[in-house]
Amino acid sequence: MNKYIKKFPKDVDFVQDGLNGYNLINECPNISITLEDVYKGHEKYVTNTKSYNIYYVIEGQGTFKIKNDFYEVVKGDFIEIPPNTPFVFKGKMKLLLIMNPPYDIKYDLAGKENDIY
């Protein structure tokens, strides 16, 4: 691997009941980049108190519930979720997640179980 061209790891970095995640090692201190291979959905509602969650649907389709509103998403859609906004999703899709500032577990508030399956 060189300085400018990056690849996601082949091995899973984290597993949830509904998706597998792959973290990209990048040089930019202001963002984190994750590939999520979603086969069911997010296991719990999430609210991040500090970061923007910016998702790009690489393939597939699904449903996001952001606050109390439902959004159908398909390949090519961007979803921008500001800090302090509870959300959850379901579907079969590959998602690119960019977080600014970078992901830090101490700013995540895990909520109730996903109720939109």
PDB file of N, CA and C in Angstrom:
ATOM      1  N   MET A   1       0.850  -1.169   0.000  1.00  0.00           N
ATOM      2  CA  MET A   1       0.000   0.000   0.000  1.00  0.00           C
ATOM      3  C   MET A   1       0.901   1.239   0.000  1.00  0.00           C
ATOM      4  N   ASN A   2       0.486   2.259  -0.739  1.00  0.00           N
ATOM      5  CA  ASN A   2       1.314   3.456  -0.755  1.00  0.00           C
ATOM      6  C   ASN A   2       0.647   4.584   0.021  1.00  0.00           C
ATOM      7  N   LYS A   3       1.306   5.706   0.016  1.00  0.00           N
ATOM      8  CA  LYS A   3       0.863   6.856   0.798  1.00  0.00           C
ATOM      9  C   LYS A   3      -0.484   7.416   0.339  1.00  0.00           C
ATOM     10  N   TYR A   4      -0.794   7.307  -0.958  1.00  0.00           N
ATOM     11  CA  TYR A   4      -1.971   7.971  -1.500  1.00  0.00           C
ATOM     12  C   TYR A   4      -3.134   7.047  -1.823  1.00  0.00           C
ATOM     13  N   ILE A   5      -2.869   5.797  -2.072  1.00  0.00           N
ATOM     14  CA  ILE A   5      -3.924   4.860  -2.443  1.00  0.00           C
ATOM     15  C   ILE A   5      -4.167   3.931  -1.261  1.00  0.00           C
ATOM     16  N   LYS A   6      -5.401   3.906  -0.775  1.00  0.00           N
ATOM     17  CA  LYS A   6      -5.757   3.102   0.403  1.00  0.00           C
ATOM     18  C   LYS A   6      -6.749   2.021   0.018  1.00  0.00           C
ATOM     19  N   LYS A   7      -6.772   0.946   0.782  1.00  0.00           N
ATOM     20  CA  LYS A   7      -7.736  -0.127   0.589  1.00  0.00           C
ATOM     21  C   LYS A   7      -8.299  -0.517   1.954  1.00  0.00           C
ATOM     22  N   PHE A   8      -9.581  -0.892   1.954  1.00  0.00           N
ATOM     23  CA  PHE A   8     -10.168  -1.401   3.179  1.00  0.00           C
ATOM     24  C   PHE A   8      -9.550  -2.759   3.493  1.00  0.00           C
ATOM     25  N   PRO A   9      -9.426  -3.101   4.775  1.00  0.00           N
ATOM     26  CA  PRO A   9      -8.884  -4.417   5.128  1.00  0.00           C
ATOM     27  C   PRO A   9      -9.825  -5.535   4.675  1.00  0.00           C
ATOM     28  N   LYS A  10      -9.276  -6.710   4.459  1.00  0.00           N
ATOM     29  CA  LYS A  10     -10.082  -7.878   4.095  1.00  0.00           C
ATOM     30  C   LYS A  10     -10.764  -8.477   5.320  1.00  0.00           C
ATOM     31  N   ASP A  11     -10.126  -8.319   6.480  1.00  0.00           N
ATOM     32  CA  ASP A  11     -10.685  -8.862   7.721  1.00  0.00           C
ATOM     33  C   ASP A  11     -11.616  -7.844   8.382  1.00  0.00           C
ATOM     34  N   VAL A  12     -12.697  -8.340   8.936  1.00  0.00           N
ATOM     35  CA  VAL A  12     -13.693  -7.508   9.605  1.00  0.00           C
ATOM     36  C   VAL A  12     -13.082  -6.872  10.855  1.00  0.00           C
ATOM     37  N   ASP A  13     -13.336  -5.567  11.034  1.00  0.00           N
ATOM     38  CA  ASP A  13     -12.869  -4.862  12.229  1.00  0.00           C
ATOM     39  C   ASP A  13     -13.881  -4.913  13.371  1.00  0.00           C
ATOM     40  N   PHE A  14     -15.175  -4.935  13.035  1.00  0.00           N
ATOM     41  CA  PHE A  14     -16.198  -5.048  14.072  1.00  0.00           C
ATOM     42  C   PHE A  14     -17.429  -5.725  13.495  1.00  0.00           C
ATOM     43  N   VAL A  15     -18.153  -6.411  14.376  1.00  0.00           N
ATOM     44  CA  VAL A  15     -19.352  -7.146  13.977  1.00  0.00           C
ATOM     45  C   VAL A  15     -20.491  -6.709  14.881  1.00  0.00           C
ATOM     46  N   GLN A  16     -21.628  -6.430  14.263  1.00  0.00           N
ATOM     47  CA  GLN A  16     -22.857  -6.199  15.002  1.00  0.00           C
ATOM     48  C   GLN A  16     -23.856  -7.241  14.528  1.00  0.00           C
ATOM     49  N   ASP A  17     -24.947  -7.367  15.233  1.00  0.00           N
ATOM     50  CA  ASP A  17     -26.007  -8.262  14.790  1.00  0.00           C
ATOM     51  C   ASP A  17     -26.756  -7.561  13.671  1.00  0.00           C
ATOM     52  N   GLY A  18     -26.237  -7.662  12.446  1.00  0.00           N
ATOM     53  CA  GLY A  18     -26.871  -7.007  11.317  1.00  0.00           C
ATOM     54  C   GLY A  18     -25.910  -6.392  10.323  1.00  0.00           C
ATOM     55  N   LEU A  19     -24.628  -6.277  10.709  1.00  0.00           N
ATOM     56  CA  LEU A  19     -23.650  -5.716   9.774  1.00  0.00           C
ATOM     57  C   LEU A  19     -22.236  -6.065  10.198  1.00  0.00           C
ATOM     58  N   ASN A  20     -21.339  -6.020   9.211  1.00  0.00           N
ATOM     59  CA  ASN A  20     -19.902  -6.164   9.450  1.00  0.00           C
ATOM     60  C   ASN A  20     -19.236  -4.858   9.049  1.00  0.00           C
ATOM     61  N   GLY A  21     -18.232  -4.422   9.825  1.00  0.00           N
ATOM     62  CA  GLY A  21     -17.577  -3.148   9.554  1.00  0.00           C
ATOM     63  C   GLY A  21     -16.098  -3.283   9.298  1.00  0.00           C
ATOM     64  N   TYR A  22     -15.615  -2.435   8.392  1.00  0.00           N
ATOM     65  CA  TYR A  22     -14.204  -2.408   7.997  1.00  0.00           C
ATOM     66  C   TYR A  22     -13.725  -0.960   8.100  1.00  0.00           C
ATOM     67  N   ASN A  23     -12.721  -0.722   8.942  1.00  0.00           N
ATOM     68  CA  ASN A  23     -12.212   0.633   9.142  1.00  0.00           C
ATOM     69  C   ASN A  23     -11.014   0.898   8.244  1.00  0.00           C
ATOM     70  N   LEU A  24     -11.041   2.019   7.544  1.00  0.00           N
ATOM     71  CA  LEU A  24      -9.927   2.411   6.691  1.00  0.00           C
ATOM     72  C   LEU A  24      -8.927   3.187   7.528  1.00  0.00           C
ATOM     73  N   ILE A  25      -7.666   2.818   7.411  1.00  0.00           N
ATOM     74  CA  ILE A  25      -6.606   3.579   8.072  1.00  0.00           C
ATOM     75  C   ILE A  25      -6.274   4.737   7.138  1.00  0.00           C
ATOM     76  N   ASN A  26      -6.543   5.958   7.595  1.00  0.00           N
ATOM     77  CA  ASN A  26      -6.297   7.128   6.762  1.00  0.00           C
ATOM     78  C   ASN A  26      -5.455   8.148   7.514  1.00  0.00           C
ATOM     79  N   GLU A  27      -4.867   9.055   6.780  1.00  0.00           N
ATOM     80  CA  GLU A  27      -3.951  10.048   7.352  1.00  0.00           C
ATOM     81  C   GLU A  27      -4.676  11.298   7.850  1.00  0.00           C
ATOM     82  N   CYS A  28      -5.891  11.523   7.421  1.00  0.00           N
ATOM     83  CA  CYS A  28      -6.611  12.744   7.768  1.00  0.00           C
ATOM     84  C   CYS A  28      -7.101  12.670   9.220  1.00  0.00           C
ATOM     85  N   PRO A  29      -6.649  13.572  10.068  1.00  0.00           N
ATOM     86  CA  PRO A  29      -7.052  13.515  11.475  1.00  0.00           C
ATOM     87  C   PRO A  29      -8.480  13.994  11.725  1.00  0.00           C
ATOM     88  N   ASN A  30      -9.141  14.556  10.710  1.00  0.00           N
ATOM     89  CA  ASN A  30     -10.460  15.145  10.905  1.00  0.00           C
ATOM     90  C   ASN A  30     -11.618  14.222  10.608  1.00  0.00           C
ATOM     91  N   ILE A  31     -11.346  13.039  10.017  1.00  0.00           N
ATOM     92  CA  ILE A  31     -12.424  12.125   9.641  1.00  0.00           C
ATOM     93  C   ILE A  31     -12.052  10.679   9.952  1.00  0.00           C
ATOM     94  N   SER A  32     -13.084   9.865  10.080  1.00  0.00           N
ATOM     95  CA  SER A  32     -12.895   8.412  10.070  1.00  0.00           C
ATOM     96  C   SER A  32     -13.732   7.881   8.908  1.00  0.00           C
ATOM     97  N   ILE A  33     -13.258   6.789   8.300  1.00  0.00           N
ATOM     98  CA  ILE A  33     -13.921   6.209   7.133  1.00  0.00           C
ATOM     99  C   ILE A  33     -14.131   4.718   7.393  1.00  0.00           C
ATOM    100  N   THR A  34     -15.372   4.275   7.214  1.00  0.00           N
ATOM    101  CA  THR A  34     -15.738   2.888   7.482  1.00  0.00           C
ATOM    102  C   THR A  34     -16.593   2.361   6.335  1.00  0.00           C
ATOM    103  N   LEU A  35     -16.378   1.103   5.990  1.00  0.00           N
ATOM    104  CA  LEU A  35     -17.249   0.400   5.052  1.00  0.00           C
ATOM    105  C   LEU A  35     -18.126  -0.521   5.882  1.00  0.00           C
ATOM    106  N   GLU A  36     -19.436  -0.419   5.705  1.00  0.00           N
ATOM    107  CA  GLU A  36     -20.361  -1.284   6.431  1.00  0.00           C
ATOM    108  C   GLU A  36     -21.078  -2.190   5.440  1.00  0.00           C
ATOM    109  N   ASP A  37     -20.907  -3.484   5.630  1.00  0.00           N
ATOM    110  CA  ASP A  37     -21.576  -4.490   4.807  1.00  0.00           C
ATOM    111  C   ASP A  37     -22.819  -4.913   5.588  1.00  0.00           C
ATOM    112  N   VAL A  38     -23.952  -4.333   5.221  1.00  0.00           N
ATOM    113  CA  VAL A  38     -25.191  -4.480   5.982  1.00  0.00           C
ATOM    114  C   VAL A  38     -26.008  -5.630   5.399  1.00  0.00           C
ATOM    115  N   TYR A  39     -26.298  -6.638   6.228  1.00  0.00           N
ATOM    116  CA  TYR A  39     -27.138  -7.749   5.781  1.00  0.00           C
ATOM    117  C   TYR A  39     -28.492  -7.749   6.484  1.00  0.00           C
ATOM    118  N   LYS A  40     -28.636  -6.933   7.516  1.00  0.00           N
ATOM    119  CA  LYS A  40     -29.901  -6.817   8.237  1.00  0.00           C
ATOM    120  C   LYS A  40     -30.147  -5.362   8.630  1.00  0.00           C
ATOM    121  N   GLY A  41     -29.189  -4.770   9.336  1.00  0.00           N
ATOM    122  CA  GLY A  41     -29.323  -3.376   9.750  1.00  0.00           C
ATOM    123  C   GLY A  41     -28.485  -3.049  10.964  1.00  0.00           C
ATOM    124  N   HIS A  42     -28.683  -1.851  11.459  1.00  0.00           N
ATOM    125  CA  HIS A  42     -28.041  -1.387  12.687  1.00  0.00           C
ATOM    126  C   HIS A  42     -28.724  -2.092  13.847  1.00  0.00           C
ATOM    127  N   GLU A  43     -27.990  -2.609  14.814  1.00  0.00           N
ATOM    128  CA  GLU A  43     -28.644  -3.369  15.875  1.00  0.00           C
ATOM    129  C   GLU A  43     -29.382  -2.494  16.883  1.00  0.00           C
ATOM    130  N   LYS A  44     -28.919  -1.262  17.084  1.00  0.00           N
ATOM    131  CA  LYS A  44     -29.562  -0.352  18.040  1.00  0.00           C
ATOM    132  C   LYS A  44     -29.577   1.062  17.481  1.00  0.00           C
ATOM    133  N   TYR A  45     -30.483   1.868  17.985  1.00  0.00           N
ATOM    134  CA  TYR A  45     -30.468   3.289  17.663  1.00  0.00           C
ATOM    135  C   TYR A  45     -29.161   3.889  18.165  1.00  0.00           C
ATOM    136  N   VAL A  46     -28.639   4.847  17.408  1.00  0.00           N
ATOM    137  CA  VAL A  46     -27.396   5.512  17.778  1.00  0.00           C
ATOM    138  C   VAL A  46     -27.613   7.018  17.751  1.00  0.00           C
ATOM    139  N   THR A  47     -27.033   7.679  18.721  1.00  0.00           N
ATOM    140  CA  THR A  47     -26.940   9.130  18.705  1.00  0.00           C
ATOM    141  C   THR A  47     -25.490   9.459  19.025  1.00  0.00           C
ATOM    142  N   ASN A  48     -24.815  10.135  18.098  1.00  0.00           N
ATOM    143  CA  ASN A  48     -23.449  10.568  18.360  1.00  0.00           C
ATOM    144  C   ASN A  48     -23.517  12.044  18.729  1.00  0.00           C
ATOM    145  N   THR A  49     -22.953  12.391  19.871  1.00  0.00           N
ATOM    146  CA  THR A  49     -23.089  13.745  20.387  1.00  0.00           C
ATOM    147  C   THR A  49     -22.079  14.722  19.799  1.00  0.00           C
ATOM    148  N   LYS A  50     -21.140  14.231  18.999  1.00  0.00           N
ATOM    149  CA  LYS A  50     -20.086  15.110  18.497  1.00  0.00           C
ATOM    150  C   LYS A  50     -19.927  15.081  16.976  1.00  0.00           C
ATOM    151  N   SER A  51     -20.131  13.942  16.336  1.00  0.00           N
ATOM    152  CA  SER A  51     -19.780  13.772  14.922  1.00  0.00           C
ATOM    153  C   SER A  51     -20.976  13.817  13.984  1.00  0.00           C
ATOM    154  N   TYR A  52     -20.718  14.303  12.782  1.00  0.00           N
ATOM    155  CA  TYR A  52     -21.624  14.109  11.662  1.00  0.00           C
ATOM    156  C   TYR A  52     -21.411  12.696  11.147  1.00  0.00           C
ATOM    157  N   ASN A  53     -22.491  11.990  10.845  1.00  0.00           N
ATOM    158  CA  ASN A  53     -22.434  10.673  10.193  1.00  0.00           C
ATOM    159  C   ASN A  53     -22.881  10.895   8.753  1.00  0.00           C
ATOM    160  N   ILE A  54     -21.992  10.701   7.812  1.00  0.00           N
ATOM    161  CA  ILE A  54     -22.318  10.886   6.403  1.00  0.00           C
ATOM    162  C   ILE A  54     -22.184   9.529   5.726  1.00  0.00           C
ATOM    163  N   TYR A  55     -23.327   8.983   5.312  1.00  0.00           N
ATOM    164  CA  TYR A  55     -23.377   7.675   4.661  1.00  0.00           C
ATOM    165  C   TYR A  55     -23.547   7.855   3.158  1.00  0.00           C
ATOM    166  N   TYR A  56     -22.899   6.969   2.406  1.00  0.00           N
ATOM    167  CA  TYR A  56     -23.109   6.885   0.964  1.00  0.00           C
ATOM    168  C   TYR A  56     -23.492   5.446   0.660  1.00  0.00           C
ATOM    169  N   VAL A  57     -24.599   5.244  -0.052  1.00  0.00           N
ATOM    170  CA  VAL A  57     -25.053   3.904  -0.393  1.00  0.00           C
ATOM    171  C   VAL A  57     -24.309   3.452  -1.648  1.00  0.00           C
ATOM    172  N   ILE A  58     -23.371   2.520  -1.482  1.00  0.00           N
ATOM    173  CA  ILE A  58     -22.573   1.996  -2.596  1.00  0.00           C
ATOM    174  C   ILE A  58     -23.401   1.024  -3.426  1.00  0.00           C
ATOM    175  N   GLU A  59     -24.153   0.173  -2.744  1.00  0.00           N
ATOM    176  CA  GLU A  59     -25.049  -0.758  -3.433  1.00  0.00           C
ATOM    177  C   GLU A  59     -26.159  -1.179  -2.494  1.00  0.00           C
ATOM    178  N   GLY A  60     -27.243  -1.673  -3.079  1.00  0.00           N
ATOM    179  CA  GLY A  60     -28.372  -2.163  -2.301  1.00  0.00           C
ATOM    180  C   GLY A  60     -29.385  -1.072  -2.011  1.00  0.00           C
ATOM    181  N   GLN A  61     -30.242  -1.390  -1.054  1.00  0.00           N
ATOM    182  CA  GLN A  61     -31.284  -0.446  -0.657  1.00  0.00           C
ATOM    183  C   GLN A  61     -31.685  -0.728   0.780  1.00  0.00           C
ATOM    184  N   GLY A  62     -32.315   0.262   1.394  1.00  0.00           N
ATOM    185  CA  GLY A  62     -32.741   0.092   2.770  1.00  0.00           C
ATOM    186  C   GLY A  62     -33.592   1.246   3.238  1.00  0.00           C
ATOM    187  N   THR A  63     -33.804   1.272   4.542  1.00  0.00           N
ATOM    188  CA  THR A  63     -34.610   2.304   5.183  1.00  0.00           C
ATOM    189  C   THR A  63     -33.836   2.870   6.360  1.00  0.00           C
ATOM    190  N   PHE A  64     -33.753   4.185   6.436  1.00  0.00           N
ATOM    191  CA  PHE A  64     -33.212   4.878   7.599  1.00  0.00           C
ATOM    192  C   PHE A  64     -34.385   5.479   8.367  1.00  0.00           C
ATOM    193  N   LYS A  65     -34.341   5.383   9.689  1.00  0.00           N
ATOM    194  CA  LYS A  65     -35.261   6.126  10.546  1.00  0.00           C
ATOM    195  C   LYS A  65     -34.393   7.143  11.279  1.00  0.00           C
ATOM    196  N   ILE A  66     -34.611   8.418  10.949  1.00  0.00           N
ATOM    197  CA  ILE A  66     -33.844   9.510  11.530  1.00  0.00           C
ATOM    198  C   ILE A  66     -34.828  10.375  12.312  1.00  0.00           C
ATOM    199  N   LYS A  67     -34.567  10.499  13.597  1.00  0.00           N
ATOM    200  CA  LYS A  67     -35.554  11.047  14.533  1.00  0.00           C
ATOM    201  C   LYS A  67     -36.793  10.167  14.397  1.00  0.00           C
ATOM    202  N   ASN A  68     -37.909  10.686  13.952  1.00  0.00           N
ATOM    203  CA  ASN A  68     -39.115   9.858  13.810  1.00  0.00           C
ATOM    204  C   ASN A  68     -39.556   9.707  12.366  1.00  0.00           C
ATOM    205  N   ASP A  69     -38.694  10.100  11.424  1.00  0.00           N
ATOM    206  CA  ASP A  69     -39.052  10.051  10.009  1.00  0.00           C
ATOM    207  C   ASP A  69     -38.328   8.904   9.302  1.00  0.00           C
ATOM    208  N   PHE A  70     -39.026   8.290   8.347  1.00  0.00           N
ATOM    209  CA  PHE A  70     -38.480   7.182   7.573  1.00  0.00           C
ATOM    210  C   PHE A  70     -38.026   7.673   6.200  1.00  0.00           C
ATOM    211  N   TYR A  71     -36.882   7.153   5.744  1.00  0.00           N
ATOM    212  CA  TYR A  71     -36.327   7.518   4.446  1.00  0.00           C
ATOM    213  C   TYR A  71     -35.884   6.248   3.720  1.00  0.00           C
ATOM    214  N   GLU A  72     -36.411   6.041   2.537  1.00  0.00           N
ATOM    215  CA  GLU A  72     -35.978   4.922   1.691  1.00  0.00           C
ATOM    216  C   GLU A  72     -34.720   5.367   0.956  1.00  0.00           C
ATOM    217  N   VAL A  73     -33.685   4.534   0.978  1.00  0.00           N
ATOM    218  CA  VAL A  73     -32.427   4.885   0.318  1.00  0.00           C
ATOM    219  C   VAL A  73     -32.046   3.800  -0.686  1.00  0.00           C
ATOM    220  N   VAL A  74     -31.357   4.222  -1.739  1.00  0.00           N
ATOM    221  CA  VAL A  74     -30.901   3.316  -2.794  1.00  0.00           C
ATOM    222  C   VAL A  74     -29.476   3.700  -3.182  1.00  0.00           C
ATOM    223  N   LYS A  75     -28.871   2.854  -3.999  1.00  0.00           N
ATOM    224  CA  LYS A  75     -27.524   3.090  -4.503  1.00  0.00           C
ATOM    225  C   LYS A  75     -27.408   4.526  -5.018  1.00  0.00           C
ATOM    226  N   GLY A  76     -26.350   5.207  -4.568  1.00  0.00           N
ATOM    227  CA  GLY A  76     -26.089   6.574  -5.006  1.00  0.00           C
ATOM    228  C   GLY A  76     -26.556   7.650  -4.060  1.00  0.00           C
ATOM    229  N   ASP A  77     -27.341   7.298  -3.043  1.00  0.00           N
ATOM    230  CA  ASP A  77     -27.836   8.289  -2.082  1.00  0.00           C
ATOM    231  C   ASP A  77     -26.789   8.607  -1.018  1.00  0.00           C
ATOM    232  N   PHE A  78     -26.752   9.875  -0.598  1.00  0.00           N
ATOM    233  CA  PHE A  78     -26.000  10.313   0.574  1.00  0.00           C
ATOM    234  C   PHE A  78     -26.997  10.578   1.693  1.00  0.00           C
ATOM    235  N   ILE A  79     -26.619  10.224   2.899  1.00  0.00           N
ATOM    236  CA  ILE A  79     -27.446  10.484   4.069  1.00  0.00           C
ATOM    237  C   ILE A  79     -26.567  11.247   5.050  1.00  0.00           C
ATOM    238  N   GLU A  80     -26.957  12.451   5.426  1.00  0.00           N
ATOM    239  CA  GLU A  80     -26.167  13.272   6.332  1.00  0.00           C
ATOM    240  C   GLU A  80     -26.925  13.422   7.648  1.00  0.00           C
ATOM    241  N   ILE A  81     -26.329  12.899   8.712  1.00  0.00           N
ATOM    242  CA  ILE A  81     -26.966  12.904  10.027  1.00  0.00           C
ATOM    243  C   ILE A  81     -26.120  13.764  10.968  1.00  0.00           C
ATOM    244  N   PRO A  82     -26.650  14.900  11.407  1.00  0.00           N
ATOM    245  CA  PRO A  82     -25.878  15.777  12.292  1.00  0.00           C
ATOM    246  C   PRO A  82     -25.750  15.206  13.706  1.00  0.00           C
ATOM    247  N   PRO A  83     -24.814  15.760  14.485  1.00  0.00           N
ATOM    248  CA  PRO A  83     -24.679  15.323  15.879  1.00  0.00           C
ATOM    249  C   PRO A  83     -25.998  15.464  16.633  1.00  0.00           C
ATOM    250  N   ASN A  84     -26.147  14.647  17.661  1.00  0.00           N
ATOM    251  CA  ASN A  84     -27.323  14.672  18.547  1.00  0.00           C
ATOM    252  C   ASN A  84     -28.624  14.308  17.844  1.00  0.00           C
ATOM    253  N   THR A  85     -28.520  13.497  16.789  1.00  0.00           N
ATOM    254  CA  THR A  85     -29.693  13.073  16.034  1.00  0.00           C
ATOM    255  C   THR A  85     -29.798  11.550  16.104  1.00  0.00           C
ATOM    256  N   PRO A  86     -30.809  11.005  16.778  1.00  0.00           N
ATOM    257  CA  PRO A  86     -30.942   9.544  16.864  1.00  0.00           C
ATOM    258  C   PRO A  86     -31.355   8.946  15.513  1.00  0.00           C
ATOM    259  N   PHE A  87     -30.746   7.792  15.194  1.00  0.00           N
ATOM    260  CA  PHE A  87     -31.074   7.121  13.938  1.00  0.00           C
ATOM    261  C   PHE A  87     -30.827   5.624  14.043  1.00  0.00           C
ATOM    262  N   VAL A  88     -31.425   4.909  13.079  1.00  0.00           N
ATOM    263  CA  VAL A  88     -31.246   3.471  12.936  1.00  0.00           C
ATOM    264  C   VAL A  88     -31.543   3.155  11.475  1.00  0.00           C
ATOM    265  N   PHE A  89     -31.086   2.004  10.991  1.00  0.00           N
ATOM    266  CA  PHE A  89     -31.406   1.630   9.615  1.00  0.00           C
ATOM    267  C   PHE A  89     -31.563   0.130   9.474  1.00  0.00           C
ATOM    268  N   LYS A  90     -32.183  -0.266   8.337  1.00  0.00           N
ATOM    269  CA  LYS A  90     -32.329  -1.679   8.004  1.00  0.00           C
ATOM    270  C   LYS A  90     -32.153  -1.819   6.496  1.00  0.00           C
ATOM    271  N   GLY A  91     -31.853  -3.046   6.064  1.00  0.00           N
ATOM    272  CA  GLY A  91     -31.750  -3.321   4.635  1.00  0.00           C
ATOM    273  C   GLY A  91     -30.581  -4.224   4.315  1.00  0.00           C
ATOM    274  N   LYS A  92     -30.365  -4.390   3.034  1.00  0.00           N
ATOM    275  CA  LYS A  92     -29.200  -5.106   2.512  1.00  0.00           C
ATOM    276  C   LYS A  92     -28.476  -4.122   1.616  1.00  0.00           C
ATOM    277  N   MET A  93     -27.323  -3.641   2.090  1.00  0.00           N
ATOM    278  CA  MET A  93     -26.603  -2.600   1.362  1.00  0.00           C
ATOM    279  C   MET A  93     -25.162  -2.527   1.810  1.00  0.00           C
ATOM    280  N   LYS A  94     -24.342  -1.939   0.976  1.00  0.00           N
ATOM    281  CA  LYS A  94     -22.979  -1.584   1.339  1.00  0.00           C
ATOM    282  C   LYS A  94     -22.974  -0.079   1.526  1.00  0.00           C
ATOM    283  N   LEU A  95     -22.516   0.357   2.698  1.00  0.00           N
ATOM    284  CA  LEU A  95     -22.510   1.775   3.048  1.00  0.00           C
ATOM    285  C   LEU A  95     -21.083   2.239   3.317  1.00  0.00           C
ATOM    286  N   LEU A  96     -20.751   3.385   2.766  1.00  0.00           N
ATOM    287  CA  LEU A  96     -19.519   4.072   3.118  1.00  0.00           C
ATOM    288  C   LEU A  96     -19.902   5.101   4.171  1.00  0.00           C
ATOM    289  N   LEU A  97     -19.231   5.072   5.312  1.00  0.00           N
ATOM    290  CA  LEU A  97     -19.515   6.003   6.404  1.00  0.00           C
ATOM    291  C   LEU A  97     -18.303   6.888   6.636  1.00  0.00           C
ATOM    292  N   ILE A  98     -18.521   8.190   6.549  1.00  0.00           N
ATOM    293  CA  ILE A  98     -17.484   9.168   6.874  1.00  0.00           C
ATOM    294  C   ILE A  98     -17.984   9.944   8.084  1.00  0.00           C
ATOM    295  N   MET A  99     -17.156  10.004   9.109  1.00  0.00           N
ATOM    296  CA  MET A  99     -17.534  10.733  10.323  1.00  0.00           C
ATOM    297  C   MET A  99     -16.561  11.883  10.556  1.00  0.00           C
ATOM    298  N   ASN A 100     -17.134  13.053  10.883  1.00  0.00           N
ATOM    299  CA  ASN A 100     -16.339  14.232  11.163  1.00  0.00           C
ATOM    300  C   ASN A 100     -16.932  14.920  12.382  1.00  0.00           C
ATOM    301  N   PRO A 101     -16.145  15.070  13.473  1.00  0.00           N
ATOM    302  CA  PRO A 101     -14.824  14.522  13.715  1.00  0.00           C
ATOM    303  C   PRO A 101     -14.843  12.998  13.721  1.00  0.00           C
ATOM    304  N   PRO A 102     -13.653  12.383  13.731  1.00  0.00           N
ATOM    305  CA  PRO A 102     -13.577  10.920  13.664  1.00  0.00           C
ATOM    306  C   PRO A 102     -14.354  10.235  14.781  1.00  0.00           C
ATOM    307  N   TYR A 103     -14.745   9.007  14.507  1.00  0.00           N
ATOM    308  CA  TYR A 103     -15.493   8.217  15.479  1.00  0.00           C
ATOM    309  C   TYR A 103     -14.724   8.086  16.783  1.00  0.00           C
ATOM    310  N   ASP A 104     -15.443   8.281  17.872  1.00  0.00           N
ATOM    311  CA  ASP A 104     -14.914   8.044  19.212  1.00  0.00           C
ATOM    312  C   ASP A 104     -16.078   7.494  20.032  1.00  0.00           C
ATOM    313  N   ILE A 105     -15.925   6.294  20.553  1.00  0.00           N
ATOM    314  CA  ILE A 105     -17.011   5.607  21.256  1.00  0.00           C
ATOM    315  C   ILE A 105     -17.574   6.427  22.412  1.00  0.00           C
ATOM    316  N   LYS A 106     -16.761   7.277  23.015  1.00  0.00           N
ATOM    317  CA  LYS A 106     -17.255   8.033  24.180  1.00  0.00           C
ATOM    318  C   LYS A 106     -18.352   9.032  23.812  1.00  0.00           C
ATOM    319  N   TYR A 107     -18.530   9.322  22.519  1.00  0.00           N
ATOM    320  CA  TYR A 107     -19.586  10.238  22.093  1.00  0.00           C
ATOM    321  C   TYR A 107     -20.824   9.518  21.562  1.00  0.00           C
ATOM    322  N   ASP A 108     -20.819   8.196  21.605  1.00  0.00           N
ATOM    323  CA  ASP A 108     -21.967   7.407  21.146  1.00  0.00           C
ATOM    324  C   ASP A 108     -22.924   7.137  22.299  1.00  0.00           C
ATOM    325  N   LEU A 109     -24.192   7.396  22.057  1.00  0.00           N
ATOM    326  CA  LEU A 109     -25.223   7.035  23.017  1.00  0.00           C
ATOM    327  C   LEU A 109     -26.027   5.910  22.393  1.00  0.00           C
ATOM    328  N   ALA A 110     -25.841   4.705  22.857  1.00  0.00           N
ATOM    329  CA  ALA A 110     -26.598   3.570  22.329  1.00  0.00           C
ATOM    330  C   ALA A 110     -28.029   3.637  22.853  1.00  0.00           C
ATOM    331  N   GLY A 111     -28.952   3.440  21.962  1.00  0.00           N
ATOM    332  CA  GLY A 111     -30.354   3.515  22.330  1.00  0.00           C
ATOM    333  C   GLY A 111     -31.006   2.154  22.357  1.00  0.00           C
ATOM    334  N   LYS A 112     -32.310   2.170  22.174  1.00  0.00           N
ATOM    335  CA  LYS A 112     -33.093   0.936  22.211  1.00  0.00           C
ATOM    336  C   LYS A 112     -32.780   0.074  20.991  1.00  0.00           C
ATOM    337  N   GLU A 113     -33.222  -1.173  21.067  1.00  0.00           N
ATOM    338  CA  GLU A 113     -33.025  -2.114  19.961  1.00  0.00           C
ATOM    339  C   GLU A 113     -33.720  -1.612  18.701  1.00  0.00           C
ATOM    340  N   ASN A 114     -33.191  -2.003  17.549  1.00  0.00           N
ATOM    341  CA  ASN A 114     -33.773  -1.632  16.258  1.00  0.00           C
ATOM    342  C   ASN A 114     -35.194  -2.196  16.181  1.00  0.00           C
ATOM    343  N   ASP A 115     -36.167  -1.317  15.989  1.00  0.00           N
ATOM    344  CA  ASP A 115     -37.567  -1.737  15.950  1.00  0.00           C
ATOM    345  C   ASP A 115     -38.179  -1.586  14.560  1.00  0.00           C
ATOM    346  N   ILE A 116     -37.340  -1.418  13.527  1.00  0.00           N
ATOM    347  CA  ILE A 116     -37.881  -1.234  12.185  1.00  0.00           C
ATOM    348  C   ILE A 116     -37.602  -2.427  11.266  1.00  0.00           C
ATOM    349  N   TYR A 117     -37.114  -3.544  11.834  1.00  0.00           N
ATOM    350  CA  TYR A 117     -36.886  -4.740  11.004  1.00  0.00           C
ATOM    351  C   TYR A 117     -38.192  -5.258  10.463  1.00  0.00           C
TER     352      TYR A 117
END
